[in-house]
């Protein structure tokens, strides 16, 4: 299928799906770092 890669390697589209509290905090911090 054309979207096979996205099916096998999806993004965390929901913040609650990001595993562990450390994972959530690190994702927010790294995203903020990228924007800045």
ModelCIF file with pLDDT and N, C-alpha, C, O atoms, coordinates in Angstrom:
data_MODEL
#
_entry.id   MODEL 
#
_entity.id                         1 
_entity.type                       polymer 
_entity.pdbx_number_of_molecules   1 
#
_entity_poly.entity_id                      1 
_entity_poly.type                           'polypeptide(L)' 
_entity_poly.nstd_linkage                   no 
_entity_poly.nstd_monomer                   no 
_entity_poly.pdbx_seq_one_letter_code       
;(UNK)(UNK)(UNK)(UNK)(UNK)(UNK)(UNK)(UNK)(UNK)(UNK)(UNK)(UNK)(UNK)(UNK)(UNK)(UNK)
(UNK)(UNK)(UNK)(UNK)(UNK)(UNK)(UNK)(UNK)(UNK)(UNK)(UNK)(UNK)(UNK)(UNK)(UNK)(UNK)
(UNK)(UNK)(UNK)(UNK)
;
_entity_poly.pdbx_seq_one_letter_code_can   XXXXXXXXXXXXXXXXXXXXXXXXXXXXXXXXXXXX 
_entity_poly.pdbx_strand_id                 A 
#
loop_
_entity_poly_seq.entity_id 
_entity_poly_seq.num 
_entity_poly_seq.mon_id 
_entity_poly_seq.hetero 
1 1  UNK n 
1 2  UNK n 
1 3  UNK n 
1 4  UNK n 
1 5  UNK n 
1 6  UNK n 
1 7  UNK n 
1 8  UNK n 
1 9  UNK n 
1 10 UNK n 
1 11 UNK n 
1 12 UNK n 
1 13 UNK n 
1 14 UNK n 
1 15 UNK n 
1 16 UNK n 
1 17 UNK n 
1 18 UNK n 
1 19 UNK n 
1 20 UNK n 
1 21 UNK n 
1 22 UNK n 
1 23 UNK n 
1 24 UNK n 
1 25 UNK n 
1 26 UNK n 
1 27 UNK n 
1 28 UNK n 
1 29 UNK n 
1 30 UNK n 
1 31 UNK n 
1 32 UNK n 
1 33 UNK n 
1 34 UNK n 
1 35 UNK n 
1 36 UNK n 
#
_struct_asym.id          A 
_struct_asym.entity_id   1 
#
loop_
_ma_qa_metric.id 
_ma_qa_metric.mode 
_ma_qa_metric.name 
_ma_qa_metric.software_group_id 
_ma_qa_metric.type 
1 global pLDDT . pLDDT 
2 local  pLDDT . pLDDT 
#
_ma_qa_metric_global.metric_id      1 
_ma_qa_metric_global.metric_value   80.89 
_ma_qa_metric_global.model_id       1 
_ma_qa_metric_global.ordinal_id     1 
#
loop_
_ma_qa_metric_local.label_asym_id 
_ma_qa_metric_local.label_comp_id 
_ma_qa_metric_local.label_seq_id 
_ma_qa_metric_local.metric_id 
_ma_qa_metric_local.metric_value 
_ma_qa_metric_local.model_id 
_ma_qa_metric_local.ordinal_id 
A UNK 1  2 43.00 1 1  
A UNK 2  2 43.00 1 2  
A UNK 3  2 43.00 1 3  
A UNK 4  2 45.00 1 4  
A UNK 5  2 46.00 1 5  
A UNK 6  2 45.00 1 6  
A UNK 7  2 59.00 1 7  
A UNK 8  2 70.00 1 8  
A UNK 9  2 78.00 1 9  
A UNK 10 2 81.00 1 10 
A UNK 11 2 85.00 1 11 
A UNK 12 2 87.00 1 12 
A UNK 13 2 84.00 1 13 
A UNK 14 2 86.00 1 14 
A UNK 15 2 86.00 1 15 
A UNK 16 2 86.00 1 16 
A UNK 17 2 85.00 1 17 
A UNK 18 2 88.00 1 18 
A UNK 19 2 85.00 1 19 
A UNK 20 2 85.00 1 20 
A UNK 21 2 90.00 1 21 
A UNK 22 2 90.00 1 22 
A UNK 23 2 90.00 1 23 
A UNK 24 2 92.00 1 24 
A UNK 25 2 94.00 1 25 
A UNK 26 2 94.00 1 26 
A UNK 27 2 93.00 1 27 
A UNK 28 2 95.00 1 28 
A UNK 29 2 96.00 1 29 
A UNK 30 2 96.00 1 30 
A UNK 31 2 95.00 1 31 
A UNK 32 2 96.00 1 32 
A UNK 33 2 95.00 1 33 
A UNK 34 2 95.00 1 34 
A UNK 35 2 96.00 1 35 
A UNK 36 2 95.00 1 36 
#
loop_
_atom_site.group_PDB 
_atom_site.id 
_atom_site.type_symbol 
_atom_site.label_atom_id 
_atom_site.label_alt_id 
_atom_site.label_comp_id 
_atom_site.label_asym_id 
_atom_site.label_entity_id 
_atom_site.label_seq_id 
_atom_site.pdbx_PDB_ins_code 
_atom_site.Cartn_x 
_atom_site.Cartn_y 
_atom_site.Cartn_z 
_atom_site.occupancy 
_atom_site.B_iso_or_equiv 
_atom_site.pdbx_formal_charge 
_atom_site.auth_seq_id 
_atom_site.auth_comp_id 
_atom_site.auth_asym_id 
_atom_site.auth_atom_id 
_atom_site.pdbx_PDB_model_num 
ATOM 1   N N  . UNK A 1 1  ? 0.850  -1.190 0.000  1.00 43.00 ? 1  UNK A N  1 
ATOM 2   C CA . UNK A 1 1  ? 0.000  0.000  0.000  1.00 43.00 ? 1  UNK A CA 1 
ATOM 3   C C  . UNK A 1 1  ? 0.884  1.237  0.000  1.00 43.00 ? 1  UNK A C  1 
ATOM 4   O O  . UNK A 1 1  ? 2.022  1.201  0.468  1.00 43.00 ? 1  UNK A O  1 
ATOM 5   N N  . UNK A 1 2  ? 0.344  2.342  -0.535 1.00 43.00 ? 2  UNK A N  1 
ATOM 6   C CA . UNK A 1 2  ? 1.135  3.564  -0.669 1.00 43.00 ? 2  UNK A CA 1 
ATOM 7   C C  . UNK A 1 2  ? 1.570  4.127  0.679  1.00 43.00 ? 2  UNK A C  1 
ATOM 8   O O  . UNK A 1 2  ? 2.657  4.694  0.798  1.00 43.00 ? 2  UNK A O  1 
ATOM 9   N N  . UNK A 1 3  ? 0.720  3.970  1.693  1.00 43.00 ? 3  UNK A N  1 
ATOM 10  C CA . UNK A 1 3  ? 1.040  4.527  3.000  1.00 43.00 ? 3  UNK A CA 1 
ATOM 11  C C  . UNK A 1 3  ? 1.556  3.463  3.962  1.00 43.00 ? 3  UNK A C  1 
ATOM 12  O O  . UNK A 1 3  ? 1.392  3.578  5.176  1.00 43.00 ? 3  UNK A O  1 
ATOM 13  N N  . UNK A 1 4  ? 2.184  2.426  3.405  1.00 45.00 ? 4  UNK A N  1 
ATOM 14  C CA . UNK A 1 4  ? 2.662  1.324  4.246  1.00 45.00 ? 4  UNK A CA 1 
ATOM 15  C C  . UNK A 1 4  ? 3.666  1.806  5.283  1.00 45.00 ? 4  UNK A C  1 
ATOM 16  O O  . UNK A 1 4  ? 3.661  1.332  6.419  1.00 45.00 ? 4  UNK A O  1 
ATOM 17  N N  . UNK A 1 5  ? 4.532  2.748  4.900  1.00 46.00 ? 5  UNK A N  1 
ATOM 18  C CA . UNK A 1 5  ? 5.542  3.234  5.836  1.00 46.00 ? 5  UNK A CA 1 
ATOM 19  C C  . UNK A 1 5  ? 4.888  3.928  7.019  1.00 46.00 ? 5  UNK A C  1 
ATOM 20  O O  . UNK A 1 5  ? 5.286  3.716  8.164  1.00 46.00 ? 5  UNK A O  1 
ATOM 21  N N  . UNK A 1 6  ? 3.881  4.758  6.748  1.00 45.00 ? 6  UNK A N  1 
ATOM 22  C CA . UNK A 1 6  ? 3.216  5.459  7.833  1.00 45.00 ? 6  UNK A CA 1 
ATOM 23  C C  . UNK A 1 6  ? 2.409  4.506  8.702  1.00 45.00 ? 6  UNK A C  1 
ATOM 24  O O  . UNK A 1 6  ? 2.201  4.772  9.886  1.00 45.00 ? 6  UNK A O  1 
ATOM 25  N N  . UNK A 1 7  ? 1.953  3.397  8.125  1.00 59.00 ? 7  UNK A N  1 
ATOM 26  C CA . UNK A 1 7  ? 1.251  2.401  8.922  1.00 59.00 ? 7  UNK A CA 1 
ATOM 27  C C  . UNK A 1 7  ? 2.226  1.690  9.856  1.00 59.00 ? 7  UNK A C  1 
ATOM 28  O O  . UNK A 1 7  ? 1.888  1.394  11.002 1.00 59.00 ? 7  UNK A O  1 
ATOM 29  N N  . UNK A 1 8  ? 3.421  1.421  9.372  1.00 70.00 ? 8  UNK A N  1 
ATOM 30  C CA . UNK A 1 8  ? 4.401  0.686  10.165 1.00 70.00 ? 8  UNK A CA 1 
ATOM 31  C C  . UNK A 1 8  ? 5.172  1.607  11.095 1.00 70.00 ? 8  UNK A C  1 
ATOM 32  O O  . UNK A 1 8  ? 5.603  1.182  12.167 1.00 70.00 ? 8  UNK A O  1 
ATOM 33  N N  . UNK A 1 9  ? 5.350  2.845  10.705 1.00 78.00 ? 9  UNK A N  1 
ATOM 34  C CA . UNK A 1 9  ? 6.121  3.799  11.502 1.00 78.00 ? 9  UNK A CA 1 
ATOM 35  C C  . UNK A 1 9  ? 5.305  5.067  11.746 1.00 78.00 ? 9  UNK A C  1 
ATOM 36  O O  . UNK A 1 9  ? 5.615  6.121  11.190 1.00 78.00 ? 9  UNK A O  1 
ATOM 37  N N  . UNK A 1 10 ? 4.267  4.971  12.570 1.00 81.00 ? 10 UNK A N  1 
ATOM 38  C CA . UNK A 1 10 ? 3.402  6.140  12.796 1.00 81.00 ? 10 UNK A CA 1 
ATOM 39  C C  . UNK A 1 10 ? 4.011  7.143  13.771 1.00 81.00 ? 10 UNK A C  1 
ATOM 40  O O  . UNK A 1 10 ? 4.880  6.808  14.576 1.00 81.00 ? 10 UNK A O  1 
ATOM 41  N N  . UNK A 1 11 ? 3.534  8.369  13.679 1.00 85.00 ? 11 UNK A N  1 
ATOM 42  C CA . UNK A 1 11 ? 3.892  9.408  14.640 1.00 85.00 ? 11 UNK A CA 1 
ATOM 43  C C  . UNK A 1 11 ? 2.950  9.315  15.847 1.00 85.00 ? 11 UNK A C  1 
ATOM 44  O O  . UNK A 1 11 ? 1.838  8.798  15.742 1.00 85.00 ? 11 UNK A O  1 
ATOM 45  N N  . UNK A 1 12 ? 3.409  9.817  16.973 1.00 87.00 ? 12 UNK A N  1 
ATOM 46  C CA . UNK A 1 12 ? 2.521  9.953  18.121 1.00 87.00 ? 12 UNK A CA 1 
ATOM 47  C C  . UNK A 1 12 ? 1.651  11.182 17.874 1.00 87.00 ? 12 UNK A C  1 
ATOM 48  O O  . UNK A 1 12 ? 2.060  12.303 18.177 1.00 87.00 ? 12 UNK A O  1 
ATOM 49  N N  . UNK A 1 13 ? 0.469  10.980 17.334 1.00 84.00 ? 13 UNK A N  1 
ATOM 50  C CA . UNK A 1 13 ? -0.417 12.102 17.027 1.00 84.00 ? 13 UNK A CA 1 
ATOM 51  C C  . UNK A 1 13 ? -1.182 12.574 18.254 1.00 84.00 ? 13 UNK A C  1 
ATOM 52  O O  . UNK A 1 13 ? -1.730 13.676 18.264 1.00 84.00 ? 13 UNK A O  1 
ATOM 53  N N  . UNK A 1 14 ? -1.220 11.751 19.276 1.00 86.00 ? 14 UNK A N  1 
ATOM 54  C CA . UNK A 1 14 ? -1.878 12.103 20.532 1.00 86.00 ? 14 UNK A CA 1 
ATOM 55  C C  . UNK A 1 14 ? -0.825 12.190 21.623 1.00 86.00 ? 14 UNK A C  1 
ATOM 56  O O  . UNK A 1 14 ? -0.037 11.262 21.808 1.00 86.00 ? 14 UNK A O  1 
ATOM 57  N N  . UNK A 1 15 ? -0.810 13.292 22.339 1.00 86.00 ? 15 UNK A N  1 
ATOM 58  C CA . UNK A 1 15 ? 0.200  13.491 23.374 1.00 86.00 ? 15 UNK A CA 1 
ATOM 59  C C  . UNK A 1 15 ? 0.157  12.385 24.417 1.00 86.00 ? 15 UNK A C  1 
ATOM 60  O O  . UNK A 1 15 ? 1.198  11.985 24.938 1.00 86.00 ? 15 UNK A O  1 
ATOM 61  N N  . UNK A 1 16 ? -1.038 11.887 24.727 1.00 86.00 ? 16 UNK A N  1 
ATOM 62  C CA . UNK A 1 16 ? -1.179 10.827 25.731 1.00 86.00 ? 16 UNK A CA 1 
ATOM 63  C C  . UNK A 1 16 ? -0.565 9.511  25.273 1.00 86.00 ? 16 UNK A C  1 
ATOM 64  O O  . UNK A 1 16 ? -0.272 8.644  26.096 1.00 86.00 ? 16 UNK A O  1 
ATOM 65  N N  . UNK A 1 17 ? -0.367 9.353  23.956 1.00 85.00 ? 17 UNK A N  1 
ATOM 66  C CA . UNK A 1 17 ? 0.210  8.111  23.434 1.00 85.00 ? 17 UNK A CA 1 
ATOM 67  C C  . UNK A 1 17 ? 1.718  8.026  23.662 1.00 85.00 ? 17 UNK A C  1 
ATOM 68  O O  . UNK A 1 17 ? 2.291  6.938  23.612 1.00 85.00 ? 17 UNK A O  1 
ATOM 69  N N  . UNK A 1 18 ? 2.360  9.158  23.909 1.00 88.00 ? 18 UNK A N  1 
ATOM 70  C CA . UNK A 1 18 ? 3.801  9.144  24.150 1.00 88.00 ? 18 UNK A CA 1 
ATOM 71  C C  . UNK A 1 18 ? 4.063  8.413  25.469 1.00 88.00 ? 18 UNK A C  1 
ATOM 72  O O  . UNK A 1 18 ? 3.553  8.825  26.511 1.00 88.00 ? 18 UNK A O  1 
ATOM 73  N N  . UNK A 1 19 ? 4.845  7.339  25.437 1.00 85.00 ? 19 UNK A N  1 
ATOM 74  C CA . UNK A 1 19 ? 5.032  6.535  26.647 1.00 85.00 ? 19 UNK A CA 1 
ATOM 75  C C  . UNK A 1 19 ? 5.919  7.221  27.687 1.00 85.00 ? 19 UNK A C  1 
ATOM 76  O O  . UNK A 1 19 ? 6.852  7.944  27.335 1.00 85.00 ? 19 UNK A O  1 
ATOM 77  N N  . UNK A 1 20 ? 5.630  6.996  28.940 1.00 85.00 ? 20 UNK A N  1 
ATOM 78  C CA . UNK A 1 20 ? 6.356  7.459  30.133 1.00 85.00 ? 20 UNK A CA 1 
ATOM 79  C C  . UNK A 1 20 ? 6.274  8.979  30.295 1.00 85.00 ? 20 UNK A C  1 
ATOM 80  O O  . UNK A 1 20 ? 6.216  9.725  29.318 1.00 85.00 ? 20 UNK A O  1 
ATOM 81  N N  . UNK A 1 21 ? 6.270  9.406  31.539 1.00 90.00 ? 21 UNK A N  1 
ATOM 82  C CA . UNK A 1 21 ? 6.239  10.838 31.830 1.00 90.00 ? 21 UNK A CA 1 
ATOM 83  C C  . UNK A 1 21 ? 7.527  11.507 31.387 1.00 90.00 ? 21 UNK A C  1 
ATOM 84  O O  . UNK A 1 21 ? 7.509  12.653 30.936 1.00 90.00 ? 21 UNK A O  1 
ATOM 85  N N  . UNK A 1 22 ? 8.654  10.794 31.512 1.00 90.00 ? 22 UNK A N  1 
ATOM 86  C CA . UNK A 1 22 ? 9.922  11.335 31.023 1.00 90.00 ? 22 UNK A CA 1 
ATOM 87  C C  . UNK A 1 22 ? 9.872  11.538 29.513 1.00 90.00 ? 22 UNK A C  1 
ATOM 88  O O  . UNK A 1 22 ? 10.388 12.525 28.988 1.00 90.00 ? 22 UNK A O  1 
ATOM 89  N N  . UNK A 1 23 ? 9.239  10.583 28.818 1.00 90.00 ? 23 UNK A N  1 
ATOM 90  C CA . UNK A 1 23 ? 9.117  10.693 27.366 1.00 90.00 ? 23 UNK A CA 1 
ATOM 91  C C  . UNK A 1 23 ? 8.297  11.901 26.958 1.00 90.00 ? 23 UNK A C  1 
ATOM 92  O O  . UNK A 1 23 ? 8.642  12.594 26.001 1.00 90.00 ? 23 UNK A O  1 
ATOM 93  N N  . UNK A 1 24 ? 7.223  12.155 27.670 1.00 92.00 ? 24 UNK A N  1 
ATOM 94  C CA . UNK A 1 24 ? 6.375  13.312 27.369 1.00 92.00 ? 24 UNK A CA 1 
ATOM 95  C C  . UNK A 1 24 ? 7.138  14.618 27.600 1.00 92.00 ? 24 UNK A C  1 
ATOM 96  O O  . UNK A 1 24 ? 7.110  15.522 26.764 1.00 92.00 ? 24 UNK A O  1 
ATOM 97  N N  . UNK A 1 25 ? 7.816  14.703 28.742 1.00 94.00 ? 25 UNK A N  1 
ATOM 98  C CA . UNK A 1 25 ? 8.559  15.924 29.050 1.00 94.00 ? 25 UNK A CA 1 
ATOM 99  C C  . UNK A 1 25 ? 9.687  16.145 28.041 1.00 94.00 ? 25 UNK A C  1 
ATOM 100 O O  . UNK A 1 25 ? 9.907  17.265 27.581 1.00 94.00 ? 25 UNK A O  1 
ATOM 101 N N  . UNK A 1 26 ? 10.399 15.069 27.703 1.00 94.00 ? 26 UNK A N  1 
ATOM 102 C CA . UNK A 1 26 ? 11.519 15.197 26.754 1.00 94.00 ? 26 UNK A CA 1 
ATOM 103 C C  . UNK A 1 26 ? 11.023 15.607 25.375 1.00 94.00 ? 26 UNK A C  1 
ATOM 104 O O  . UNK A 1 26 ? 11.687 16.382 24.686 1.00 94.00 ? 26 UNK A O  1 
ATOM 105 N N  . UNK A 1 27 ? 9.855  15.092 24.959 1.00 93.00 ? 27 UNK A N  1 
ATOM 106 C CA . UNK A 1 27 ? 9.304  15.468 23.650 1.00 93.00 ? 27 UNK A CA 1 
ATOM 107 C C  . UNK A 1 27 ? 8.948  16.951 23.621 1.00 93.00 ? 27 UNK A C  1 
ATOM 108 O O  . UNK A 1 27 ? 9.226  17.641 22.640 1.00 93.00 ? 27 UNK A O  1 
ATOM 109 N N  . UNK A 1 28 ? 8.334  17.438 24.693 1.00 95.00 ? 28 UNK A N  1 
ATOM 110 C CA . UNK A 1 28 ? 7.968  18.861 24.763 1.00 95.00 ? 28 UNK A CA 1 
ATOM 111 C C  . UNK A 1 28 ? 9.225  19.734 24.762 1.00 95.00 ? 28 UNK A C  1 
ATOM 112 O O  . UNK A 1 28 ? 9.287  20.742 24.059 1.00 95.00 ? 28 UNK A O  1 
ATOM 113 N N  . UNK A 1 29 ? 10.219 19.340 25.551 1.00 96.00 ? 29 UNK A N  1 
ATOM 114 C CA . UNK A 1 29 ? 11.441 20.140 25.648 1.00 96.00 ? 29 UNK A CA 1 
ATOM 115 C C  . UNK A 1 29 ? 12.201 20.150 24.329 1.00 96.00 ? 29 UNK A C  1 
ATOM 116 O O  . UNK A 1 29 ? 12.669 21.201 23.892 1.00 96.00 ? 29 UNK A O  1 
ATOM 117 N N  . UNK A 1 30 ? 12.328 18.987 23.689 1.00 96.00 ? 30 UNK A N  1 
ATOM 118 C CA . UNK A 1 30 ? 13.084 18.923 22.431 1.00 96.00 ? 30 UNK A CA 1 
ATOM 119 C C  . UNK A 1 30 ? 12.348 19.689 21.334 1.00 96.00 ? 30 UNK A C  1 
ATOM 120 O O  . UNK A 1 30 ? 12.976 20.356 20.512 1.00 96.00 ? 30 UNK A O  1 
ATOM 121 N N  . UNK A 1 31 ? 11.013 19.594 21.321 1.00 95.00 ? 31 UNK A N  1 
ATOM 122 C CA . UNK A 1 31 ? 10.235 20.345 20.332 1.00 95.00 ? 31 UNK A CA 1 
ATOM 123 C C  . UNK A 1 31 ? 10.418 21.847 20.545 1.00 95.00 ? 31 UNK A C  1 
ATOM 124 O O  . UNK A 1 31 ? 10.591 22.603 19.589 1.00 95.00 ? 31 UNK A O  1 
ATOM 125 N N  . UNK A 1 32 ? 10.378 22.269 21.807 1.00 96.00 ? 32 UNK A N  1 
ATOM 126 C CA . UNK A 1 32 ? 10.595 23.691 22.111 1.00 96.00 ? 32 UNK A CA 1 
ATOM 127 C C  . UNK A 1 32 ? 11.990 24.121 21.678 1.00 96.00 ? 32 UNK A C  1 
ATOM 128 O O  . UNK A 1 32 ? 12.172 25.209 21.132 1.00 96.00 ? 32 UNK A O  1 
ATOM 129 N N  . UNK A 1 33 ? 12.979 23.254 21.926 1.00 95.00 ? 33 UNK A N  1 
ATOM 130 C CA . UNK A 1 33 ? 14.342 23.563 21.505 1.00 95.00 ? 33 UNK A CA 1 
ATOM 131 C C  . UNK A 1 33 ? 14.459 23.721 20.004 1.00 95.00 ? 33 UNK A C  1 
ATOM 132 O O  . UNK A 1 33 ? 15.164 24.606 19.520 1.00 95.00 ? 33 UNK A O  1 
ATOM 133 N N  . UNK A 1 34 ? 13.761 22.855 19.255 1.00 95.00 ? 34 UNK A N  1 
ATOM 134 C CA . UNK A 1 34 ? 13.798 22.938 17.790 1.00 95.00 ? 34 UNK A CA 1 
ATOM 135 C C  . UNK A 1 34 ? 13.168 24.244 17.301 1.00 95.00 ? 34 UNK A C  1 
ATOM 136 O O  . UNK A 1 34 ? 13.690 24.889 16.391 1.00 95.00 ? 34 UNK A O  1 
ATOM 137 N N  . UNK A 1 35 ? 12.047 24.629 17.910 1.00 96.00 ? 35 UNK A N  1 
ATOM 138 C CA . UNK A 1 35 ? 11.380 25.867 17.504 1.00 96.00 ? 35 UNK A CA 1 
ATOM 139 C C  . UNK A 1 35 ? 12.267 27.076 17.789 1.00 96.00 ? 35 UNK A C  1 
ATOM 140 O O  . UNK A 1 35 ? 12.410 27.959 16.944 1.00 96.00 ? 35 UNK A O  1 
ATOM 141 N N  . UNK A 1 36 ? 12.859 27.114 18.974 1.00 95.00 ? 36 UNK A N  1 
ATOM 142 C CA . UNK A 1 36 ? 13.727 28.246 19.331 1.00 95.00 ? 36 UNK A CA 1 
ATOM 143 C C  . UNK A 1 36 ? 14.965 28.271 18.440 1.00 95.00 ? 36 UNK A C  1 
ATOM 144 O O  . UNK A 1 36 ? 15.814 29.150 18.588 1.00 95.00 ? 36 UNK A O  1 
#
